[in-house]
Amino acid sequence: MVIPKEVGIRDTNAIVIPAESFLVVIPLPKTPEGGWIITKKSRRELKDLAEKVGRKDAIEGARRRKIFDD
């Protein structure tokens, strides 16, 4: 993805969220404002948890919109 330099997020990571016919781009700071979260979970455990919660949320949203029925 090429982002115009006028946007001002050079050398920055960003989250890109598809929102129907457009994209929402959220620049990420190098370090979080409140510092890094301290956890005993591994990176793999955190990833698995995020995927599980995301999947559950997507299914609930689809059910609300009556796109997906069990």
N, C-alpha and C. Protein backbone atom coordinates (compact mmCIF):
# COMPACT_ATOMS: atom_id res chain seq x y z
N MET A 1 0.85 -1.17 0.00
CA MET A 1 0.00 0.00 0.00
C MET A 1 0.90 1.23 0.00
N VAL A 2 0.61 2.15 -0.86
CA VAL A 2 1.36 3.40 -0.92
C VAL A 2 0.52 4.49 -0.28
N ILE A 3 1.12 5.15 0.70
CA ILE A 3 0.42 6.23 1.41
C ILE A 3 1.12 7.54 1.05
N PRO A 4 0.39 8.57 0.62
CA PRO A 4 1.03 9.84 0.27
C PRO A 4 1.84 10.40 1.44
N LYS A 5 3.01 10.99 1.12
CA LYS A 5 3.88 11.51 2.19
C LYS A 5 3.24 12.65 2.97
N GLU A 6 2.24 13.31 2.38
CA GLU A 6 1.55 14.41 3.08
C GLU A 6 0.77 13.93 4.30
N VAL A 7 0.48 12.63 4.36
CA VAL A 7 -0.26 12.08 5.50
C VAL A 7 0.61 12.12 6.76
N GLY A 8 1.92 12.05 6.58
CA GLY A 8 2.83 12.22 7.71
C GLY A 8 3.04 10.99 8.57
N ILE A 9 2.94 9.80 7.99
CA ILE A 9 3.19 8.61 8.81
C ILE A 9 4.35 7.79 8.24
N ARG A 10 5.37 8.45 7.76
CA ARG A 10 6.56 7.76 7.26
C ARG A 10 7.24 6.99 8.39
N ASP A 11 7.82 5.85 8.03
CA ASP A 11 8.54 5.01 8.99
C ASP A 11 7.70 4.67 10.21
N THR A 12 6.41 4.51 10.01
CA THR A 12 5.50 4.20 11.10
C THR A 12 4.67 2.98 10.73
N ASN A 13 4.46 2.10 11.67
CA ASN A 13 3.53 1.00 11.45
C ASN A 13 2.12 1.53 11.61
N ALA A 14 1.19 0.88 10.93
CA ALA A 14 -0.20 1.32 11.00
C ALA A 14 -1.12 0.12 10.93
N ILE A 15 -2.30 0.28 11.48
CA ILE A 15 -3.35 -0.73 11.37
C ILE A 15 -4.25 -0.28 10.24
N VAL A 16 -4.55 -1.20 9.32
CA VAL A 16 -5.45 -0.90 8.21
C VAL A 16 -6.72 -1.72 8.40
N ILE A 17 -7.86 -1.03 8.51
CA ILE A 17 -9.13 -1.69 8.77
C ILE A 17 -10.06 -1.45 7.58
N PRO A 18 -10.46 -2.54 6.88
CA PRO A 18 -11.41 -2.34 5.79
C PRO A 18 -12.79 -1.98 6.35
N ALA A 19 -13.40 -0.96 5.79
CA ALA A 19 -14.72 -0.50 6.24
C ALA A 19 -15.59 -0.28 5.01
N GLU A 20 -16.17 -1.36 4.52
CA GLU A 20 -17.01 -1.36 3.32
C GLU A 20 -16.22 -0.84 2.12
N SER A 21 -16.50 0.35 1.62
CA SER A 21 -15.88 0.83 0.39
C SER A 21 -14.62 1.67 0.62
N PHE A 22 -14.13 1.76 1.85
CA PHE A 22 -12.93 2.54 2.12
C PHE A 22 -12.10 1.86 3.20
N LEU A 23 -10.90 2.38 3.46
CA LEU A 23 -10.01 1.84 4.47
C LEU A 23 -9.79 2.88 5.56
N VAL A 24 -9.71 2.42 6.80
CA VAL A 24 -9.37 3.28 7.93
C VAL A 24 -7.93 2.94 8.30
N VAL A 25 -7.05 3.93 8.32
CA VAL A 25 -5.64 3.73 8.64
C VAL A 25 -5.36 4.40 9.98
N ILE A 26 -4.88 3.60 10.94
CA ILE A 26 -4.57 4.13 12.28
C ILE A 26 -3.07 3.98 12.52
N PRO A 27 -2.32 5.09 12.55
CA PRO A 27 -0.88 5.00 12.81
C PRO A 27 -0.62 4.51 14.23
N LEU A 28 0.41 3.69 14.38
CA LEU A 28 0.78 3.17 15.70
C LEU A 28 2.04 3.87 16.19
N PRO A 29 2.06 4.30 17.45
CA PRO A 29 3.27 4.92 17.99
C PRO A 29 4.37 3.88 18.18
N LYS A 30 5.62 4.33 18.20
CA LYS A 30 6.75 3.41 18.42
C LYS A 30 6.62 2.70 19.76
N THR A 31 6.22 3.44 20.81
CA THR A 31 5.99 2.83 22.12
C THR A 31 4.62 3.30 22.61
N PRO A 32 3.87 2.43 23.26
CA PRO A 32 2.55 2.82 23.77
C PRO A 32 2.65 3.95 24.79
N GLU A 33 1.63 4.79 24.83
CA GLU A 33 1.62 5.95 25.72
C GLU A 33 1.76 5.55 27.19
N GLY A 34 1.06 4.51 27.60
CA GLY A 34 1.11 4.08 29.00
C GLY A 34 2.18 3.03 29.27
N GLY A 35 3.00 2.73 28.28
CA GLY A 35 4.02 1.69 28.42
C GLY A 35 3.48 0.36 27.92
N TRP A 36 4.35 -0.61 27.82
CA TRP A 36 3.97 -1.94 27.35
C TRP A 36 3.20 -2.69 28.42
N ILE A 37 2.27 -3.53 28.00
CA ILE A 37 1.48 -4.33 28.94
C ILE A 37 2.36 -5.48 29.43
N ILE A 38 2.39 -5.68 30.72
CA ILE A 38 3.15 -6.77 31.31
C ILE A 38 2.22 -7.99 31.42
N THR A 39 2.65 -9.12 30.86
CA THR A 39 1.84 -10.33 30.91
C THR A 39 2.74 -11.55 31.00
N LYS A 40 2.21 -12.61 31.56
CA LYS A 40 2.95 -13.87 31.65
C LYS A 40 2.64 -14.77 30.47
N LYS A 41 1.67 -14.37 29.62
CA LYS A 41 1.30 -15.18 28.47
C LYS A 41 2.32 -15.01 27.35
N SER A 42 2.51 -16.08 26.59
CA SER A 42 3.43 -16.01 25.46
C SER A 42 2.78 -15.29 24.30
N ARG A 43 3.58 -14.92 23.34
CA ARG A 43 3.07 -14.25 22.15
C ARG A 43 2.05 -15.14 21.44
N ARG A 44 2.32 -16.43 21.39
CA ARG A 44 1.43 -17.40 20.75
C ARG A 44 0.07 -17.46 21.47
N GLU A 45 0.11 -17.47 22.81
CA GLU A 45 -1.14 -17.51 23.59
C GLU A 45 -1.97 -16.24 23.35
N LEU A 46 -1.30 -15.09 23.30
CA LEU A 46 -2.00 -13.84 23.06
C LEU A 46 -2.62 -13.81 21.66
N LYS A 47 -1.88 -14.32 20.68
CA LYS A 47 -2.39 -14.37 19.30
C LYS A 47 -3.61 -15.29 19.23
N ASP A 48 -3.51 -16.48 19.83
CA ASP A 48 -4.64 -17.42 19.83
C ASP A 48 -5.87 -16.82 20.51
N LEU A 49 -5.66 -16.14 21.63
CA LEU A 49 -6.76 -15.50 22.34
C LEU A 49 -7.40 -14.40 21.48
N ALA A 50 -6.58 -13.58 20.82
CA ALA A 50 -7.11 -12.51 19.97
C ALA A 50 -7.92 -13.10 18.82
N GLU A 51 -7.44 -14.18 18.21
CA GLU A 51 -8.17 -14.81 17.11
C GLU A 51 -9.49 -15.40 17.59
N LYS A 52 -9.48 -16.01 18.77
CA LYS A 52 -10.70 -16.61 19.32
C LYS A 52 -11.75 -15.54 19.60
N VAL A 53 -11.32 -14.45 20.23
CA VAL A 53 -12.25 -13.36 20.55
C VAL A 53 -12.75 -12.69 19.27
N GLY A 54 -11.85 -12.49 18.30
CA GLY A 54 -12.25 -11.88 17.04
C GLY A 54 -13.25 -12.73 16.28
N ARG A 55 -13.02 -14.04 16.26
CA ARG A 55 -13.94 -14.95 15.59
C ARG A 55 -15.32 -14.91 16.24
N LYS A 56 -15.34 -14.93 17.59
CA LYS A 56 -16.60 -14.90 18.33
C LYS A 56 -17.35 -13.59 18.04
N ASP A 57 -16.62 -12.48 18.02
CA ASP A 57 -17.22 -11.18 17.77
C ASP A 57 -17.78 -11.11 16.34
N ALA A 58 -17.05 -11.65 15.37
CA ALA A 58 -17.52 -11.64 13.98
C ALA A 58 -18.80 -12.45 13.82
N ILE A 59 -18.87 -13.61 14.48
CA ILE A 59 -20.07 -14.45 14.40
C ILE A 59 -21.26 -13.76 15.05
N GLU A 60 -21.03 -13.14 16.21
CA GLU A 60 -22.13 -12.43 16.88
C GLU A 60 -22.63 -11.26 16.02
N GLY A 61 -21.71 -10.55 15.38
CA GLY A 61 -22.10 -9.44 14.52
C GLY A 61 -22.90 -9.91 13.32
N ALA A 62 -22.47 -11.04 12.73
CA ALA A 62 -23.19 -11.60 11.58
C ALA A 62 -24.58 -12.06 12.00
N ARG A 63 -24.69 -12.64 13.17
CA ARG A 63 -26.01 -13.07 13.66
C ARG A 63 -26.93 -11.87 13.86
N ARG A 64 -26.37 -10.77 14.39
CA ARG A 64 -27.18 -9.57 14.58
C ARG A 64 -27.70 -9.05 13.24
N ARG A 65 -26.86 -9.18 12.22
CA ARG A 65 -27.26 -8.71 10.88
C ARG A 65 -27.98 -9.81 10.11
N LYS A 66 -28.18 -10.97 10.75
CA LYS A 66 -28.88 -12.12 10.18
C LYS A 66 -28.23 -12.62 8.89
N ILE A 67 -26.89 -12.57 8.86
CA ILE A 67 -26.13 -13.09 7.72
C ILE A 67 -25.81 -14.56 7.95
N PHE A 68 -25.62 -14.93 9.20
CA PHE A 68 -25.15 -16.27 9.53
C PHE A 68 -26.07 -16.89 10.57
N ASP A 69 -26.59 -18.05 10.28
CA ASP A 69 -27.43 -18.76 11.25
C ASP A 69 -26.85 -20.13 11.50
N ASP A 70 -26.94 -20.61 12.74
CA ASP A 70 -26.48 -21.96 13.07
C ASP A 70 -27.54 -22.97 12.74
